[in-house]
């Protein structure tokens, strides 16, 4: 016999779906692309090509964006820089990158609220975008979780432009990027850092899980409803 779901069951289902939506929103993908800091001021046409390429905006040891902070290990007011959009050194000609201004330094990325997060991928290039005396090079990535720190080495391509490294690292406290021999001195630039922030990423239940939960609630609600009918019939 068909049992009409009670009003309380609909309320419970609505709450469950709301929790599902909230959890999904908490794990939304964030792309940090540094484009808000791009320097579009072109130098005079009479300026030399060399001067034009070296036009940039500098930052200190910290750079904050989208709830994350990038910290460079060099104690200087120009530890980071962004090349101007018309510089051949800029690996993102339609926007900006975050470039490390001092060789063999580490840039550590963490979420401002201290929560765990996941890193999907990031783009890297050498600081002069393949136009300097050397090209490519090795970069060390360190991933810190509650269990400790692990490392891996990635190698930049010898061609110019940004190169994407798919990492899929979950539940990170932080991660760091260190140029080993990029551009001969460990300089590099990064862009399009794709992260899942706020909370422990990767814990959002699958749709099938939510369906099982709702089915369980429905069965429990139906049983309670039948019990109520039996009690009424007995009286």
Protein backbone atom coordinates (compact mmCIF):
# COMPACT_ATOMS: atom_id res chain seq x y z
CA UNK A 1 0.00 0.00 0.00
CA UNK A 2 1.31 3.45 -0.90
CA UNK A 3 2.11 5.57 2.12
CA UNK A 4 2.01 9.33 1.67
CA UNK A 5 5.22 10.86 3.02
CA UNK A 6 4.70 13.04 6.06
CA UNK A 7 5.47 16.76 6.14
CA UNK A 8 8.40 16.08 8.48
CA UNK A 9 9.94 13.75 5.90
CA UNK A 10 9.86 16.50 3.26
CA UNK A 11 11.47 18.87 5.75
CA UNK A 12 14.21 16.35 6.50
CA UNK A 13 14.85 15.82 2.78
CA UNK A 14 15.06 19.57 2.21
CA UNK A 15 17.60 19.92 5.02
CA UNK A 16 19.66 17.06 3.59
CA UNK A 17 19.70 18.60 0.11
CA UNK A 18 20.69 21.96 1.61
CA UNK A 19 23.62 20.30 3.38
CA UNK A 20 24.62 18.68 0.11
CA UNK A 21 24.62 22.04 -1.67
CA UNK A 22 26.58 23.66 1.17
CA UNK A 23 29.23 20.93 1.14
CA UNK A 24 29.57 21.19 -2.63
CA UNK A 25 29.97 24.96 -2.41
CA UNK A 26 32.67 24.57 0.24
CA UNK A 27 34.72 22.45 -2.12
CA UNK A 28 34.33 24.75 -5.13
CA UNK A 29 37.32 25.14 -7.42
CA UNK A 30 39.27 28.40 -7.08
CA UNK A 31 41.67 29.58 -9.79
CA UNK A 32 44.30 32.09 -8.69
CA UNK A 33 45.50 33.78 -11.88
CA UNK A 34 47.06 37.09 -10.60
CA UNK A 35 45.33 39.00 -13.41
CA UNK A 36 44.02 41.61 -10.97
CA UNK A 37 47.64 42.80 -10.65
CA UNK A 38 48.53 42.96 -14.33
CA UNK A 39 50.52 45.98 -15.44
CA UNK A 40 49.09 47.22 -18.74
CA UNK A 41 51.15 50.41 -18.84
CA UNK A 42 53.17 50.20 -22.05
CA UNK A 43 56.37 52.17 -22.29
CA UNK A 44 56.96 54.79 -24.94
CA UNK A 45 57.52 53.42 -28.47
CA UNK A 46 60.93 55.09 -28.37
CA UNK A 47 62.01 52.95 -25.42
CA UNK A 48 64.41 50.15 -26.24
CA UNK A 49 63.09 46.61 -26.51
CA UNK A 50 65.33 45.63 -23.60
CA UNK A 51 63.89 48.31 -21.31
CA UNK A 52 60.39 47.42 -22.42
CA UNK A 53 60.87 43.77 -21.48
CA UNK A 54 62.11 44.64 -18.01
CA UNK A 55 59.02 46.69 -17.10
CA UNK A 56 57.35 45.11 -14.06
CA UNK A 57 55.45 45.68 -10.80
CA UNK A 58 57.12 44.44 -7.63
CA UNK A 59 55.62 43.13 -4.36
CA UNK A 60 56.96 42.22 -0.95
CA UNK A 61 57.41 38.76 0.53
CA UNK A 62 53.63 38.12 0.77
CA UNK A 63 50.97 38.08 -1.92
CA UNK A 64 47.32 37.39 -0.98
CA UNK A 65 44.53 36.31 -3.35
CA UNK A 66 41.22 34.40 -3.07
CA UNK A 67 41.75 33.47 0.58
CA UNK A 68 45.30 32.14 0.04
CA UNK A 69 48.68 33.69 0.79
CA UNK A 70 51.93 33.19 -1.16
CA UNK A 71 55.02 33.75 1.01
CA UNK A 72 58.52 33.95 -0.36
CA UNK A 73 61.49 32.99 1.81
CA UNK A 74 63.51 36.06 0.73
CA UNK A 75 63.15 39.00 3.12
CA UNK A 76 62.83 41.80 0.59
CA UNK A 77 60.22 44.33 -0.53
CA UNK A 78 60.55 43.08 -4.11
CA UNK A 79 60.57 39.31 -3.52
CA UNK A 80 57.73 38.94 -6.05
CA UNK A 81 57.10 40.72 -9.32
CA UNK A 82 54.69 40.71 -12.25
CA UNK A 83 55.97 41.50 -15.73
CA UNK A 84 54.03 44.08 -17.73
CA UNK A 85 51.68 42.62 -20.34
CA UNK A 86 53.84 43.86 -23.22
CA UNK A 87 57.01 42.25 -21.86
CA UNK A 88 58.26 39.22 -23.75
CA UNK A 89 59.22 37.81 -20.35
CA UNK A 90 55.55 37.61 -19.34
CA UNK A 91 54.37 34.03 -19.90
CA UNK A 92 50.72 35.14 -19.78
CA UNK A 93 50.45 37.83 -22.42
CA UNK A 94 46.75 38.39 -21.74
CA UNK A 95 47.20 38.80 -18.01
CA UNK A 96 49.84 38.43 -15.33
CA UNK A 97 51.88 35.84 -13.50
CA UNK A 98 53.57 35.87 -10.10
CA UNK A 99 57.31 35.76 -10.63
CA UNK A 100 60.00 35.01 -8.05
CA UNK A 101 62.58 37.79 -8.07
CA UNK A 102 65.34 35.95 -6.17
CA UNK A 103 66.90 32.66 -7.15
CA UNK A 104 66.87 29.52 -5.01
CA UNK A 105 64.08 30.83 -2.78
CA UNK A 106 60.89 28.99 -1.83
CA UNK A 107 57.33 30.22 -2.18
CA UNK A 108 54.90 28.65 0.28
CA UNK A 109 51.14 28.71 -0.36
CA UNK A 110 48.57 28.19 2.40
CA UNK A 111 44.95 29.03 3.10
CA UNK A 112 44.45 32.12 5.26
CA UNK A 113 42.00 30.41 7.62
CA UNK A 114 44.41 27.54 8.27
CA UNK A 115 42.03 24.90 6.91
CA UNK A 116 43.11 22.01 4.75
CA UNK A 117 42.75 22.29 0.98
CA UNK A 118 43.49 20.40 -2.22
CA UNK A 119 45.71 21.40 -5.13
CA UNK A 120 44.61 20.30 -8.58
CA UNK A 121 47.29 21.91 -10.77
CA UNK A 122 49.45 24.96 -11.41
CA UNK A 123 51.26 26.53 -14.35
CA UNK A 124 54.99 27.28 -14.30
CA UNK A 125 57.54 28.97 -16.56
CA UNK A 126 61.07 30.22 -16.10
CA UNK A 127 61.27 33.87 -15.09
CA UNK A 128 62.38 35.10 -18.54
CA UNK A 129 59.94 32.83 -20.38
CA UNK A 130 62.66 30.95 -22.29
CA UNK A 131 64.30 34.13 -23.61
CA UNK A 132 67.32 34.19 -21.30
CA UNK A 133 70.64 32.37 -21.32
CA UNK A 134 69.08 29.06 -20.29
CA UNK A 135 65.68 27.40 -20.68
CA UNK A 136 63.66 24.92 -18.72
CA UNK A 137 64.99 23.51 -15.49
CA UNK A 138 63.90 21.56 -12.43
CA UNK A 139 61.41 22.73 -9.79
CA UNK A 140 60.90 21.07 -6.38
CA UNK A 141 57.38 20.89 -5.00
CA UNK A 142 56.89 20.19 -1.27
CA UNK A 143 53.46 19.11 0.01
CA UNK A 144 52.73 19.37 3.75
CA UNK A 145 49.82 17.46 5.30
CA UNK A 146 48.97 16.43 8.87
CA UNK A 147 51.07 13.32 8.26
CA UNK A 148 54.22 15.21 7.24
CA UNK A 149 55.90 16.58 4.10
CA UNK A 150 56.53 14.86 0.78
CA UNK A 151 58.39 16.21 -2.25
CA UNK A 152 58.59 15.71 -5.98
CA UNK A 153 60.58 17.21 -8.82
CA UNK A 154 58.98 18.54 -12.01
CA UNK A 155 60.85 19.78 -15.07
CA UNK A 156 59.92 22.79 -17.15
CA UNK A 157 59.76 22.41 -20.90
CA UNK A 158 62.46 24.06 -22.97
CA UNK A 159 59.81 25.95 -24.95
CA UNK A 160 58.44 29.33 -23.92
CA UNK A 161 55.03 29.83 -22.33
CA UNK A 162 53.27 28.41 -19.29
CA UNK A 163 53.34 24.67 -18.70
CA UNK A 164 50.62 22.95 -16.65
CA UNK A 165 51.48 20.38 -13.99
CA UNK A 166 48.55 18.21 -12.87
CA UNK A 167 49.16 17.28 -9.21
CA UNK A 168 45.86 16.30 -7.50
CA UNK A 169 47.20 16.64 -3.95
CA UNK A 170 44.54 16.49 -1.23
CA UNK A 171 44.21 17.65 2.38
CA UNK A 172 47.18 20.00 2.35
CA UNK A 173 48.22 22.36 5.10
CA UNK A 174 50.50 24.08 2.59
CA UNK A 175 52.71 23.48 -0.41
CA UNK A 176 55.85 25.21 -1.63
CA UNK A 177 57.50 25.83 -4.99
CA UNK A 178 61.29 26.09 -5.27
CA UNK A 179 63.25 26.63 -8.46
CA UNK A 180 66.33 24.43 -8.46
CA UNK A 181 68.08 25.40 -11.68
CA UNK A 182 65.42 27.23 -13.68
CA UNK A 183 67.03 30.07 -15.63
CA UNK A 184 70.31 28.92 -14.11
CA UNK A 185 69.52 30.52 -10.74
CA UNK A 186 66.19 29.06 -9.67
CA UNK A 187 63.99 31.95 -10.77
CA UNK A 188 60.51 31.14 -12.07
CA UNK A 189 56.99 32.46 -12.57
CA UNK A 190 53.68 30.76 -11.75
CA UNK A 191 50.06 31.16 -12.79
CA UNK A 192 46.59 29.52 -12.70
CA UNK A 193 46.93 27.86 -9.31
CA UNK A 194 43.82 25.65 -9.06
CA UNK A 195 42.77 24.79 -5.51
CA UNK A 196 39.76 23.50 -3.58
CA UNK A 197 39.54 25.58 -0.41
CA UNK A 198 37.71 25.76 2.93
CA UNK A 199 37.46 22.54 4.90
CA UNK A 200 38.92 19.15 4.12
CA UNK A 201 38.68 18.92 0.37
CA UNK A 202 37.56 15.68 -1.18
CA UNK A 203 35.03 14.81 1.54
CA UNK A 204 31.91 15.84 -0.36
CA UNK A 205 29.67 12.74 -0.70
CA UNK A 206 28.88 11.43 -4.15
CA UNK A 207 25.38 11.85 -5.58
CA UNK A 208 24.72 8.13 -5.07
CA UNK A 209 25.56 8.52 -1.39
CA UNK A 210 23.07 11.31 -0.99
CA UNK A 211 20.46 9.19 -2.79
CA UNK A 212 21.06 6.31 -0.38
CA UNK A 213 20.68 8.67 2.55
CA UNK A 214 17.41 10.06 1.22
CA UNK A 215 16.13 6.54 0.55
CA UNK A 216 16.97 5.58 4.12
CA UNK A 217 15.13 8.62 5.43
CA UNK A 218 12.14 7.72 3.25
CA UNK A 219 12.03 4.15 4.56
CA UNK A 220 12.31 5.36 8.15
CA UNK A 221 9.59 7.94 7.56
CA UNK A 222 7.33 5.33 5.96
CA UNK A 223 7.79 2.98 8.90
CA UNK A 224 6.92 5.72 11.36
CA UNK A 225 3.87 6.64 9.31
CA UNK A 226 2.61 3.05 9.30
CA UNK A 227 3.18 2.82 13.03
CA UNK A 228 1.08 5.93 13.54
CA UNK A 229 -1.73 4.44 11.44
CA UNK A 230 -1.64 1.19 13.42
CA UNK A 231 -1.83 3.09 16.68
CA UNK A 232 -4.83 5.09 15.44
CA UNK A 233 -6.54 1.91 14.19
CA UNK A 234 -6.07 0.25 17.57
CA UNK A 235 -7.93 3.09 19.24
